[in-house]
Amino acid sequence: MSTFRLKTKITLGVLFLYIMLLLVSILGYYYLNRLNEKAKFILKDNYESLEYSKNMLVALEDMQQHRAAAMEVFSANLKKQQANVTERGERDATAEVARIFELLRKDSTVDARAIKKSIYTIMDVNMAAIVGKNEKVKKTADNALMYIAIISGVCFLLGFTFVYNFPGYIANPIHALTEGIKGIANKQYSKRLYFTSGDEFGELATAFNTMAQRLDEYEHSNLARIMFEKQRAEAVIGSLKDATIGFDTNSVILFANTQALQLLNLPEREVVGQPAEAISKRNDLLRFLVNNQENAPLKIVVDGKECFFTRETTDIQHEEKRIGYVVILRNITTFKEQDIAKTHFIATISHELKTPLAASDFSIKLLEDERTGTLSAEQKELVDSLKQDNRRMIKIVSELLDLSQVESGNIQLQPQPVTAVNIVQYAMDTVQKQAAQRQISIRTSVPDTLPRVLADVEKTAWVLVNLLTNAIRYSNHGGAIDLLVSSTGTEMVSFMVQDYGKGIPEAFRSKIFERFFQVPGMKGHKGNGLGLAISKEFIEAQGGIIGVESEEGKGSRFYFTLPEAIV
């Protein structure tokens, strides 16, 4: 197994290519240089001798007309030829030319044919040398081409083999590693890499295999526990009596127990793991649960029977991070039925009591009539006490009847455009006598520019009377009450009653509008705790809101709002 590092292998591969390129370059330079040198020798040794020989022949032809100049030219070229003797036989021919030239210099009658013959001999020798050297140069060039072709071919084959194999040597392990990582990402922990090299890829394969083995061990070691926890969680969810649906932060349904699936009327395979938005398009109940945040009781028909449920939402937290939420539908059908039965019972009892109470009130009035006889002071006192108790009982029965109508949904409202002055005047006429008895002044502020409100005059005046009556009851003797009506600027009109009595403790303010609730420790309170609860139902049924602001020792401020009438 090779122990070279990947970096070393890459370096050696590049160096190998560089050496092959350098070898071809040196070989080419060597042979080209040899050819250049041989060409220089041919030019210097032979071509110049031919040039000198030609010049001497020309001088011989010109010697008859210009002897002195021709002799001079011939002598100069002869000297150059004598210095450039390079070929075999050329020296003897050159010496013969020199000898005859000396004779010709002394005697002009000497036959020039002999000297020409020697000159031709020089030319033949050099021409033969040129031909021979040209053959050698050609042979050298052919050898150079052959050697360069062989070496280039070898270099090409080696380089091609290297280029073809070396990228695969790098890329194949990377590809295998990528596939292995994808397998691990898909929980295929049996994936292994097998690289035989001892370089970084070998170390990488070893590390990868170790990681995969440990993940495989971890997966199998925790699989049983995870499955157990999953089954236990499913058993807990399935055992819940209330319909329960779990969602993640993307509103994908994680689980739904049997009760929830029955209400949705969908099989589990079509619910669990599916986006709630997609299912809600074909399921009205799920659309309501996901998009509607109201906590009002929900009526659902189950097996032909009307059932009532309340919706509760609980966030699922993990390490202070919200990872989902659970919607629970609690079945309150039994309580609703009991509540309806209670409402019917109260309505029935109140209706039955109203008749004898009215009769007893009529009887008391007859007792007060002197035509039936004169009553003593003690008898009058008893009759007055009976009269007050009877009227209190009639008021309680009336409020119970109103409450039963509200609870049963049978309350009849007749909203119509009306001015705030009419409502205030109706209420003031009702409580004026009670306020005068305690010497309490009621200061009103009702601007003429207020828009009309859409309200049931009788029910709204009843609410205002109830608030004023409470304010009178809890105000100090001889005190004052403020009744203010104003526009809120949001297409609503606000009615506010301010007293300056003891106020309501903070612990009881949130319960003041609950049925039958009375603030503990309030002296002189003769109510039954229904007035404010009924007021709340009347105002909310007309689209308004009712509330209270109070501070102990400084009094209370009750208010309600009603929508403006659209002109």
Protein backbone atom coordinates (compact mmCIF):
# COMPACT_ATOMS: atom_id res chain seq x y z
CA MET A 1 0.00 0.00 0.00
CA SER A 2 1.33 3.42 -0.97
CA THR A 3 2.30 5.68 1.89
CA PHE A 4 2.57 8.87 -0.17
CA ARG A 5 0.34 11.74 0.93
CA LEU A 6 -2.20 13.14 -1.51
CA LYS A 7 -0.28 16.39 -1.76
CA THR A 8 2.91 14.46 -2.61
CA LYS A 9 1.13 12.45 -5.30
CA ILE A 10 -0.26 15.58 -6.93
CA THR A 11 3.19 17.18 -6.80
CA LEU A 12 4.85 14.09 -8.36
CA GLY A 13 2.19 13.94 -11.08
CA VAL A 14 2.69 17.57 -12.04
CA LEU A 15 6.48 17.14 -11.86
CA PHE A 16 6.24 14.10 -14.14
CA LEU A 17 4.37 16.13 -16.77
CA TYR A 18 6.90 18.94 -16.39
CA ILE A 19 9.85 16.56 -16.87
CA MET A 20 8.32 15.09 -20.03
CA LEU A 21 7.78 18.57 -21.43
CA LEU A 22 11.35 19.54 -20.51
CA LEU A 23 12.75 16.37 -22.13
CA VAL A 24 11.00 17.03 -25.42
CA SER A 25 12.15 20.65 -25.34
CA ILE A 26 15.83 19.73 -24.67
CA LEU A 27 15.84 17.04 -27.36
CA GLY A 28 14.38 19.39 -29.92
CA TYR A 29 16.80 22.12 -29.03
CA TYR A 30 19.77 19.70 -29.28
CA TYR A 31 18.95 18.46 -32.77
CA LEU A 32 17.98 21.87 -34.07
CA ASN A 33 21.28 23.23 -32.79
CA ARG A 34 23.22 20.44 -34.54
CA LEU A 35 21.44 21.15 -37.83
CA ASN A 36 22.20 24.83 -37.44
CA GLU A 37 25.90 24.14 -36.82
CA LYS A 38 26.18 21.84 -39.86
CA ALA A 39 24.50 24.47 -42.04
CA LYS A 40 27.05 27.02 -40.84
CA PHE A 41 29.94 24.71 -41.71
CA ILE A 42 28.62 24.14 -45.23
CA LEU A 43 28.24 27.90 -45.73
CA LYS A 44 31.70 28.71 -44.37
CA ASP A 45 33.77 25.82 -45.77
CA ASN A 46 32.33 25.12 -49.17
CA TYR A 47 30.11 27.92 -50.32
CA GLU A 48 32.84 30.52 -49.74
CA SER A 49 35.38 28.40 -51.69
CA LEU A 50 32.97 28.32 -54.61
CA GLU A 51 32.59 32.08 -54.37
CA TYR A 52 36.34 32.60 -54.41
CA SER A 53 36.74 30.23 -57.38
CA LYS A 54 34.06 32.08 -59.33
CA ASN A 55 35.75 35.43 -58.68
CA MET A 56 39.10 34.07 -59.88
CA LEU A 57 37.53 32.78 -63.12
CA VAL A 58 35.95 36.16 -63.74
CA ALA A 59 39.33 37.87 -63.15
CA LEU A 60 40.98 35.55 -65.68
CA GLU A 61 38.39 36.53 -68.31
CA ASP A 62 38.98 40.22 -67.63
CA MET A 63 42.77 39.94 -67.59
CA GLN A 64 43.32 40.74 -71.31
CA GLN A 65 41.57 44.12 -71.06
CA HIS A 66 42.41 45.17 -67.53
CA ARG A 67 45.39 43.10 -66.53
CA ALA A 68 46.50 45.04 -63.49
CA ALA A 69 43.03 45.17 -61.85
CA ALA A 70 42.27 41.60 -62.76
CA MET A 71 45.57 40.43 -61.29
CA GLU A 72 44.75 42.28 -58.10
CA VAL A 73 41.30 40.67 -57.79
CA PHE A 74 42.68 37.24 -58.59
CA SER A 75 45.41 37.59 -55.97
CA ALA A 76 42.96 38.67 -53.25
CA ASN A 77 40.57 35.75 -53.86
CA LEU A 78 43.48 33.30 -54.08
CA LYS A 79 44.69 34.35 -50.65
CA LYS A 80 41.17 33.85 -49.21
CA GLN A 81 40.96 30.42 -50.83
CA GLN A 82 44.34 29.44 -49.41
CA ALA A 83 42.97 30.32 -45.94
CA ASN A 84 39.76 28.28 -46.50
CA VAL A 85 41.14 24.89 -47.55
CA THR A 86 38.93 22.28 -45.83
CA GLU A 87 38.41 19.36 -48.19
CA ARG A 88 40.67 16.53 -49.32
CA GLY A 89 42.43 17.39 -52.70
CA GLU A 90 41.53 21.04 -52.31
CA ARG A 91 44.98 21.98 -50.97
CA ASP A 92 46.85 20.50 -53.95
CA ALA A 93 44.53 22.17 -56.44
CA THR A 94 44.87 25.50 -54.62
CA ALA A 95 48.69 25.16 -54.61
CA GLU A 96 48.64 24.45 -58.37
CA VAL A 97 46.57 27.56 -58.95
CA ALA A 98 49.05 29.61 -56.92
CA ARG A 99 52.03 28.20 -58.83
CA ILE A 100 50.52 28.91 -62.28
CA PHE A 101 49.37 32.38 -61.12
CA GLU A 102 52.96 33.25 -60.21
CA LEU A 103 54.05 32.22 -63.68
CA LEU A 104 51.21 34.22 -65.20
CA ARG A 105 52.16 37.23 -63.17
CA LYS A 106 55.71 37.14 -64.65
CA ASP A 107 54.78 36.07 -68.16
CA SER A 108 51.49 37.05 -69.74
CA THR A 109 51.90 34.48 -72.45
CA VAL A 110 51.44 31.59 -70.09
CA ASP A 111 48.41 29.42 -71.02
CA ALA A 112 45.51 30.16 -68.69
CA ARG A 113 43.76 26.86 -69.35
CA ALA A 114 45.94 25.05 -66.82
CA ILE A 115 44.96 27.47 -64.03
CA LYS A 116 41.29 27.22 -64.97
CA LYS A 117 41.53 23.46 -64.71
CA SER A 118 42.85 23.70 -61.16
CA ILE A 119 40.16 26.23 -60.25
CA TYR A 120 37.50 23.84 -61.61
CA THR A 121 39.08 21.11 -59.53
CA ILE A 122 38.59 23.29 -56.38
CA MET A 123 34.98 23.92 -57.34
CA ASP A 124 34.31 20.22 -58.00
CA VAL A 125 35.84 19.24 -54.67
CA ASN A 126 33.64 21.76 -52.78
CA MET A 127 30.53 20.86 -54.75
CA ALA A 128 31.10 17.22 -53.92
CA ALA A 129 31.61 18.17 -50.28
CA ILE A 130 28.37 20.17 -50.25
CA VAL A 131 26.45 17.22 -51.64
CA GLY A 132 27.99 14.88 -49.08
CA LYS A 133 27.42 17.21 -46.16
CA ASN A 134 23.83 17.83 -47.29
CA GLU A 135 23.18 14.11 -47.16
CA LYS A 136 24.60 14.00 -43.62
CA VAL A 137 22.48 16.97 -42.56
CA LYS A 138 19.41 15.34 -44.05
CA LYS A 139 20.20 12.11 -42.27
CA THR A 140 20.70 14.02 -39.01
CA ALA A 141 17.38 15.81 -39.51
CA ASP A 142 15.62 12.53 -40.20
CA ASN A 143 17.13 11.00 -37.06
CA ALA A 144 16.14 14.05 -35.05
CA LEU A 145 12.55 13.85 -36.31
CA MET A 146 12.45 10.14 -35.55
CA TYR A 147 13.83 10.56 -32.02
CA ILE A 148 11.56 13.51 -31.29
CA ALA A 149 8.55 11.59 -32.67
CA ILE A 150 9.37 8.54 -30.55
CA ILE A 151 9.96 10.53 -27.39
CA SER A 152 6.92 12.73 -28.06
CA GLY A 153 4.78 9.65 -28.63
CA VAL A 154 5.99 8.09 -25.42
CA CYS A 155 5.41 11.36 -23.56
CA PHE A 156 1.93 11.67 -25.11
CA LEU A 157 0.96 8.14 -24.08
CA LEU A 158 2.28 8.62 -20.56
CA GLY A 159 0.72 12.08 -20.28
CA PHE A 160 -2.63 10.87 -21.65
CA THR A 161 -2.59 7.94 -19.24
CA PHE A 162 -1.80 10.31 -16.37
CA VAL A 163 -4.46 12.88 -17.37
CA TYR A 164 -7.05 10.13 -17.87
CA ASN A 165 -6.40 8.34 -14.58
CA PHE A 166 -5.30 11.08 -12.19
CA PRO A 167 -8.59 13.10 -12.11
CA GLY A 168 -10.46 9.87 -11.44
CA TYR A 169 -8.04 9.13 -8.64
CA ILE A 170 -9.12 12.42 -7.03
CA ALA A 171 -12.78 12.56 -8.12
CA ASN A 172 -13.82 8.93 -7.51
CA PRO A 173 -13.15 9.00 -3.74
CA ILE A 174 -14.93 12.37 -3.50
CA HIS A 175 -17.93 10.96 -5.38
CA ALA A 176 -17.95 7.88 -3.16
CA LEU A 177 -17.75 10.10 -0.09
CA THR A 178 -20.64 12.23 -1.35
CA GLU A 179 -22.81 9.17 -1.91
CA GLY A 180 -21.86 7.88 1.52
CA ILE A 181 -22.85 11.17 3.17
CA LYS A 182 -26.18 11.13 1.32
CA GLY A 183 -26.75 7.60 2.58
CA ILE A 184 -25.99 8.65 6.15
CA ALA A 185 -28.37 11.61 5.75
CA ASN A 186 -31.07 9.09 4.77
CA LYS A 187 -30.24 7.01 7.86
CA GLN A 188 -28.51 4.27 5.82
CA TYR A 189 -25.94 3.70 8.52
CA SER A 190 -24.66 0.50 6.85
CA LYS A 191 -22.80 2.59 4.24
CA ARG A 192 -19.02 2.05 4.22
CA LEU A 193 -16.12 3.45 2.18
CA TYR A 194 -13.26 1.21 1.02
CA PHE A 195 -10.17 3.15 -0.17
CA THR A 196 -6.94 1.11 -0.44
CA SER A 197 -4.69 4.16 -0.54
CA GLY A 198 -2.78 5.24 2.52
CA ASP A 199 -3.18 8.96 1.86
CA GLU A 200 -5.75 11.44 3.13
CA PHE A 201 -8.53 9.57 1.31
CA GLY A 202 -7.66 6.44 3.24
CA GLU A 203 -7.82 8.37 6.52
CA LEU A 204 -11.09 9.97 5.41
CA ALA A 205 -12.60 6.54 4.65
CA THR A 206 -11.51 5.27 8.07
CA ALA A 207 -13.05 8.28 9.84
CA PHE A 208 -16.26 7.97 7.79
CA ASN A 209 -16.61 4.26 8.54
CA THR A 210 -16.06 4.91 12.24
CA MET A 211 -18.72 7.62 12.20
CA ALA A 212 -21.20 5.40 10.33
CA GLN A 213 -20.57 2.51 12.72
CA ARG A 214 -21.16 4.68 15.78
CA LEU A 215 -24.31 6.17 14.27
CA ASP A 216 -25.52 2.67 13.48
CA GLU A 217 -24.82 1.57 17.04
CA TYR A 218 -26.54 4.67 18.41
CA GLU A 219 -29.55 4.16 16.16
CA HIS A 220 -30.01 0.55 17.19
CA SER A 221 -29.27 1.21 20.85
CA ASN A 222 -31.91 3.97 20.99
CA LEU A 223 -34.41 2.50 18.56
CA ALA A 224 -36.09 0.27 21.12
CA ARG A 225 -36.29 3.10 23.64
CA ILE A 226 -37.60 5.52 21.03
CA MET A 227 -40.20 3.02 19.86
CA PHE A 228 -41.23 2.40 23.45
CA GLU A 229 -41.57 6.13 24.12
CA LYS A 230 -43.49 6.57 20.87
CA GLN A 231 -45.90 3.77 21.75
CA ARG A 232 -46.32 5.11 25.24
CA ALA A 233 -47.01 8.63 23.91
CA GLU A 234 -49.53 7.21 21.45
CA ALA A 235 -51.18 5.24 24.24
CA VAL A 236 -51.42 8.34 26.43
CA ILE A 237 -52.85 10.42 23.60
CA GLY A 238 -55.26 7.65 22.64
CA SER A 239 -56.48 7.31 26.23
CA LEU A 240 -57.47 10.96 26.49
CA LYS A 241 -61.24 11.32 26.69
CA ASP A 242 -61.12 14.75 25.06
CA ALA A 243 -60.49 15.16 21.33
CA THR A 244 -56.81 16.15 20.96
CA ILE A 245 -54.92 17.27 17.83
CA GLY A 246 -51.22 18.18 17.79
CA PHE A 247 -49.58 20.56 15.30
CA ASP A 248 -46.01 21.66 14.67
CA THR A 249 -45.00 25.28 14.07
CA ASN A 250 -45.86 24.91 10.36
CA SER A 251 -49.39 23.66 11.21
CA VAL A 252 -48.58 20.12 10.07
CA ILE A 253 -50.69 17.63 12.05
CA LEU A 254 -48.47 15.48 14.26
CA PHE A 255 -51.13 13.34 15.93
CA ALA A 256 -54.87 13.04 16.47
CA ASN A 257 -56.54 10.67 18.90
CA THR A 258 -59.60 8.54 18.18
CA GLN A 259 -62.08 11.11 19.51
CA ALA A 260 -60.61 13.83 17.28
CA LEU A 261 -60.71 11.58 14.20
CA GLN A 262 -64.37 10.78 14.92
CA LEU A 263 -65.24 14.47 15.12
CA LEU A 264 -63.28 15.22 11.93
CA ASN A 265 -64.86 12.15 10.26
CA LEU A 266 -61.51 11.36 8.62
CA PRO A 267 -59.21 8.30 8.79
CA GLU A 268 -55.84 8.68 10.52
CA ARG A 269 -53.81 8.15 7.33
CA GLU A 270 -55.44 11.22 5.77
CA VAL A 271 -54.76 13.41 8.80
CA VAL A 272 -51.44 12.64 10.49
CA GLY A 273 -48.46 14.16 8.70
CA GLN A 274 -50.60 16.33 6.47
CA PRO A 275 -50.65 20.19 6.43
CA ALA A 276 -53.70 21.48 8.28
CA GLU A 277 -54.31 24.07 5.58
CA ALA A 278 -54.73 21.41 2.90
CA ILE A 279 -57.16 19.33 5.00
CA SER A 280 -59.12 22.38 6.18
CA LYS A 281 -60.13 23.09 2.58
CA ARG A 282 -62.40 20.03 2.72
CA ASN A 283 -63.14 19.91 6.45
CA ASP A 284 -65.10 22.74 8.06
CA LEU A 285 -64.33 21.69 11.65
CA LEU A 286 -60.56 21.68 11.15
CA ARG A 287 -60.75 25.01 9.32
CA PHE A 288 -62.59 26.47 12.32
CA LEU A 289 -60.09 25.03 14.80
CA VAL A 290 -57.06 26.37 12.91
CA ASN A 291 -58.32 29.79 11.84
CA ASN A 292 -60.78 30.75 14.60
CA GLN A 293 -59.38 31.76 17.98
CA GLU A 294 -62.72 32.28 19.75
CA ASN A 295 -63.35 30.28 22.92
CA ALA A 296 -67.14 30.24 22.62
CA PRO A 297 -68.76 26.79 22.94
CA LEU A 298 -68.86 24.92 19.64
CA LYS A 299 -71.87 22.84 18.64
CA ILE A 300 -71.11 19.65 16.69
CA VAL A 301 -73.59 16.99 15.62
CA VAL A 302 -72.23 13.56 16.58
CA ASP A 303 -74.27 10.46 15.65
CA GLY A 304 -77.34 12.61 15.12
CA LYS A 305 -77.05 14.27 18.55
CA GLU A 306 -76.05 17.85 19.26
CA CYS A 307 -72.89 17.99 21.36
CA PHE A 308 -71.11 21.02 22.76
CA PHE A 309 -67.35 21.50 23.01
CA THR A 310 -64.95 24.16 24.23
CA ARG A 311 -61.70 24.79 22.38
CA GLU A 312 -58.42 25.01 24.31
CA THR A 313 -55.00 25.67 22.78
CA THR A 314 -51.75 24.82 24.56
CA ASP A 315 -48.28 25.62 23.24
CA ILE A 316 -45.60 22.90 23.28
CA GLN A 317 -42.29 24.29 24.57
CA HIS A 318 -38.82 22.77 24.35
CA GLU A 319 -35.86 24.59 25.86
CA GLU A 320 -37.92 27.82 25.97
CA LYS A 321 -38.70 27.51 22.26
CA ARG A 322 -42.16 26.93 20.82
CA ILE A 323 -42.08 23.75 18.73
CA GLY A 324 -45.82 23.27 18.23
CA TYR A 325 -49.23 23.45 19.82
CA VAL A 326 -52.11 21.18 20.85
CA VAL A 327 -55.81 21.85 20.29
CA ILE A 328 -58.16 20.16 22.77
CA LEU A 329 -61.93 19.92 22.35
CA ARG A 330 -63.50 19.34 25.76
CA ASN A 331 -66.95 17.80 25.70
CA ILE A 332 -69.24 19.98 27.81
CA THR A 333 -72.51 18.51 26.56
CA THR A 334 -73.46 17.26 30.03
CA PHE A 335 -72.79 20.65 31.61
CA LYS A 336 -74.61 22.40 28.78
CA GLU A 337 -77.63 20.17 29.29
CA GLN A 338 -77.51 20.85 33.03
CA ASP A 339 -77.23 24.56 32.35
CA ILE A 340 -80.20 24.43 29.99
CA ALA A 341 -82.16 22.46 32.58
CA LYS A 342 -81.23 25.03 35.21
CA THR A 343 -82.32 27.86 32.93
CA HIS A 344 -85.64 26.16 32.25
CA PHE A 345 -86.08 25.49 35.97
CA ILE A 346 -85.37 29.12 36.88
CA ALA A 347 -87.71 30.33 34.15
CA THR A 348 -90.45 27.97 35.29
CA ILE A 349 -90.07 28.78 39.00
CA SER A 350 -89.82 32.51 38.31
CA HIS A 351 -92.92 32.41 36.17
CA GLU A 352 -94.82 30.39 38.76
CA LEU A 353 -93.70 32.74 41.56
CA LYS A 354 -94.59 35.88 39.69
CA THR A 355 -98.35 35.22 39.88
CA PRO A 356 -98.63 34.66 43.67
CA LEU A 357 -96.24 37.55 44.29
CA ALA A 358 -98.37 39.83 42.17
CA ALA A 359 -101.44 38.61 44.07
CA SER A 360 -99.78 39.22 47.45
CA ASP A 361 -98.73 42.71 46.28
CA PHE A 362 -102.36 43.40 45.38
CA SER A 363 -103.46 42.08 48.79
CA ILE A 364 -101.00 44.36 50.59
CA LYS A 365 -102.36 47.33 48.64
CA LEU A 366 -105.86 46.33 49.81
CA LEU A 367 -104.66 46.20 53.40
CA GLU A 368 -103.31 49.73 53.03
CA ASP A 369 -106.67 50.95 51.75
CA GLU A 370 -108.57 52.48 54.75
CA ARG A 371 -111.84 51.33 53.25
CA THR A 372 -110.99 47.81 54.36
CA GLY A 373 -110.37 49.00 57.88
CA THR A 374 -108.03 51.17 59.90
CA LEU A 375 -104.64 49.71 60.80
CA SER A 376 -102.78 50.39 63.96
CA ALA A 377 -99.24 51.80 63.84
CA GLU A 378 -97.73 48.42 64.45
CA GLN A 379 -99.89 46.88 61.71
CA LYS A 380 -98.86 49.63 59.25
CA GLU A 381 -95.23 48.96 60.04
CA LEU A 382 -95.71 45.25 59.37
CA VAL A 383 -97.55 45.99 56.11
CA ASP A 384 -94.73 48.33 54.95
CA SER A 385 -92.19 45.64 55.73
CA LEU A 386 -94.24 43.07 53.81
CA LYS A 387 -94.59 45.53 50.92
CA GLN A 388 -90.83 46.09 50.66
CA ASP A 389 -90.05 42.39 50.87
CA ASN A 390 -92.71 41.59 48.28
CA ARG A 391 -91.40 44.18 45.83
CA ARG A 392 -87.88 42.91 46.37
CA MET A 393 -89.09 39.39 45.59
CA ILE A 394 -90.88 40.66 42.45
CA LYS A 395 -87.67 42.39 41.30
CA ILE A 396 -85.64 39.23 41.88
CA VAL A 397 -88.14 37.13 39.96
CA SER A 398 -88.12 39.64 37.07
CA GLU A 399 -84.32 39.56 36.93
CA LEU A 400 -84.34 35.78 37.00
CA LEU A 401 -86.78 35.75 34.10
CA ASP A 402 -84.53 38.17 32.17
CA LEU A 403 -81.52 35.98 32.95
CA SER A 404 -83.28 32.84 31.76
CA GLN A 405 -84.21 34.58 28.53
CA VAL A 406 -80.60 35.65 28.00
CA GLU A 407 -79.24 32.18 28.70
CA SER A 408 -81.77 30.45 26.47
CA GLY A 409 -81.14 32.89 23.65
CA ASN A 410 -84.79 33.96 23.63
CA ILE A 411 -84.12 37.56 24.56
CA GLN A 412 -85.95 39.85 22.18
CA LEU A 413 -84.04 43.01 21.26
CA GLN A 414 -85.47 45.76 19.08
CA PRO A 415 -82.48 47.94 18.13
CA GLN A 416 -83.32 51.17 16.38
CA PRO A 417 -81.63 54.56 15.86
CA VAL A 418 -82.16 56.63 19.00
CA THR A 419 -80.52 59.68 20.54
CA ALA A 420 -78.46 59.34 23.69
CA VAL A 421 -80.61 62.06 25.31
CA ASN A 422 -83.69 59.84 25.15
CA ILE A 423 -81.91 56.97 26.91
CA VAL A 424 -80.46 59.26 29.58
CA GLN A 425 -83.78 61.00 30.17
CA TYR A 426 -85.56 57.65 30.53
CA ALA A 427 -83.02 56.53 33.13
CA MET A 428 -83.02 59.88 34.98
CA ASP A 429 -86.80 59.83 35.34
CA THR A 430 -86.55 56.39 36.91
CA VAL A 431 -83.81 57.08 39.52
CA GLN A 432 -84.55 60.74 40.30
CA LYS A 433 -86.76 59.92 43.31
CA GLN A 434 -84.22 57.46 44.75
CA ALA A 435 -81.42 60.04 44.37
CA ALA A 436 -83.52 62.74 46.04
CA GLN A 437 -84.13 60.51 49.05
CA ARG A 438 -80.35 60.42 49.69
CA GLN A 439 -79.84 64.04 48.60
CA ILE A 440 -77.49 62.95 45.81
CA SER A 441 -77.15 65.14 42.75
CA ILE A 442 -76.64 63.58 39.32
CA ARG A 443 -74.60 65.77 36.97
CA THR A 444 -75.17 64.89 33.34
CA SER A 445 -73.16 65.79 30.25
CA VAL A 446 -74.80 64.82 26.95
CA PRO A 447 -73.55 66.94 24.00
CA ASP A 448 -76.15 67.79 21.37
CA THR A 449 -73.70 66.93 18.60
CA LEU A 450 -73.56 63.24 19.48
CA PRO A 451 -74.62 60.84 16.73
CA ARG A 452 -77.60 58.58 17.30
CA VAL A 453 -76.93 55.06 18.56
CA LEU A 454 -78.37 51.76 17.37
CA ALA A 455 -79.90 50.31 20.53
CA ASP A 456 -82.94 48.82 22.21
CA VAL A 457 -84.17 51.80 24.24
CA GLU A 458 -85.84 49.80 27.01
CA LYS A 459 -82.97 47.35 27.59
CA THR A 460 -80.30 50.04 27.36
CA ALA A 461 -82.16 52.32 29.74
CA TRP A 462 -82.53 49.35 32.11
CA VAL A 463 -78.72 48.94 32.09
CA LEU A 464 -78.17 52.65 32.69
CA VAL A 465 -80.73 52.61 35.52
CA ASN A 466 -78.94 49.64 37.09
CA LEU A 467 -75.60 51.49 36.99
CA LEU A 468 -77.11 54.68 38.39
CA THR A 469 -78.94 52.75 41.14
CA ASN A 470 -75.69 51.07 42.21
CA ALA A 471 -73.87 54.44 42.14
CA ILE A 472 -76.57 56.01 44.33
CA ARG A 473 -76.48 53.07 46.75
CA TYR A 474 -72.70 53.26 47.27
CA SER A 475 -72.30 57.07 47.23
CA ASN A 476 -72.07 59.07 50.44
CA HIS A 477 -75.20 60.85 51.65
CA GLY A 478 -75.41 64.23 49.97
CA GLY A 479 -72.74 63.35 47.41
CA ALA A 480 -72.72 63.60 43.63
CA ILE A 481 -72.68 61.32 40.61
CA ASP A 482 -71.45 62.12 37.09
CA LEU A 483 -73.22 60.77 34.02
CA LEU A 484 -71.17 61.45 30.88
CA VAL A 485 -71.95 60.49 27.28
CA SER A 486 -69.29 60.98 24.57
CA SER A 487 -68.14 59.68 21.20
CA THR A 488 -65.12 57.35 21.25
CA GLY A 489 -64.03 58.29 17.72
CA THR A 490 -64.32 54.66 16.58
CA GLU A 491 -67.99 54.76 15.50
CA MET A 492 -69.04 54.00 19.09
CA VAL A 493 -70.77 56.09 21.76
CA SER A 494 -69.71 55.71 25.40
CA PHE A 495 -72.02 56.01 28.46
CA MET A 496 -70.13 56.49 31.76
CA VAL A 497 -71.40 56.62 35.36
CA GLN A 498 -68.91 57.90 37.95
CA ASP A 499 -69.48 57.72 41.70
CA TYR A 500 -67.16 58.85 44.50
CA GLY A 501 -67.81 56.19 47.10
CA LYS A 502 -65.54 53.49 48.55
CA GLY A 503 -64.64 51.91 45.25
CA ILE A 504 -64.15 48.23 44.46
CA PRO A 505 -61.09 46.29 45.73
CA GLU A 506 -58.79 45.19 42.89
CA ALA A 507 -59.22 41.49 43.75
CA PHE A 508 -62.95 41.65 42.91
CA ARG A 509 -63.00 43.87 39.81
CA SER A 510 -62.63 40.98 37.37
CA LYS A 511 -65.59 39.15 38.95
CA ILE A 512 -67.99 42.07 39.23
CA PHE A 513 -69.97 41.04 36.13
CA GLU A 514 -70.32 37.37 37.13
CA ARG A 515 -73.73 36.01 38.06
CA PHE A 516 -74.73 36.14 41.75
CA PHE A 517 -71.42 37.78 42.66
CA GLN A 518 -71.47 40.41 45.41
CA VAL A 519 -68.49 42.32 46.72
CA PRO A 520 -67.86 41.11 50.29
CA GLY A 521 -68.22 43.69 53.07
CA MET A 522 -70.52 46.08 51.18
CA LYS A 523 -73.03 47.36 53.73
CA GLY A 524 -76.54 48.19 52.73
CA HIS A 525 -76.40 46.01 49.64
CA LYS A 526 -79.76 44.37 49.05
CA GLY A 527 -79.18 43.07 45.52
CA ASN A 528 -78.80 39.50 44.35
CA GLY A 529 -75.76 39.86 42.09
CA LEU A 530 -77.70 39.55 38.84
CA GLY A 531 -78.01 43.15 37.74
CA LEU A 532 -74.50 43.61 36.32
CA ALA A 533 -74.47 40.12 34.79
CA ILE A 534 -77.72 40.87 32.94
CA SER A 535 -76.39 44.31 31.96
CA LYS A 536 -73.36 42.69 30.42
CA GLU A 537 -75.55 40.31 28.39
CA PHE A 538 -77.79 43.17 27.18
CA ILE A 539 -74.89 45.40 26.06
CA GLU A 540 -72.90 42.64 24.36
CA ALA A 541 -76.04 41.42 22.57
CA GLN A 542 -76.24 44.91 21.01
CA GLY A 543 -72.62 44.84 19.82
CA GLY A 544 -71.14 46.93 22.63
CA ILE A 545 -68.80 46.38 25.54
CA ILE A 546 -69.17 47.08 29.27
CA GLY A 547 -66.48 47.55 31.88
CA VAL A 548 -65.44 49.13 35.16
CA GLU A 549 -62.55 51.20 36.47
CA SER A 550 -62.20 51.70 40.19
CA GLU A 551 -59.81 52.81 42.88
CA GLU A 552 -60.41 52.12 46.54
CA GLY A 553 -61.41 55.24 48.44
CA LYS A 554 -62.03 57.26 45.26
CA GLY A 555 -65.08 55.63 43.76
CA SER A 556 -65.91 53.59 40.66
CA ARG A 557 -66.47 54.36 37.00
CA PHE A 558 -68.82 52.01 35.10
CA TYR A 559 -69.11 52.44 31.36
CA PHE A 560 -70.58 50.79 28.29
CA THR A 561 -70.43 51.52 24.58
CA LEU A 562 -72.98 51.17 21.77
CA PRO A 563 -72.47 51.40 18.00
CA GLU A 564 -73.42 54.54 16.13
CA ALA A 565 -76.49 54.30 13.91
CA ILE A 566 -75.69 54.33 10.19
CA VAL A 567 -77.51 57.20 8.55
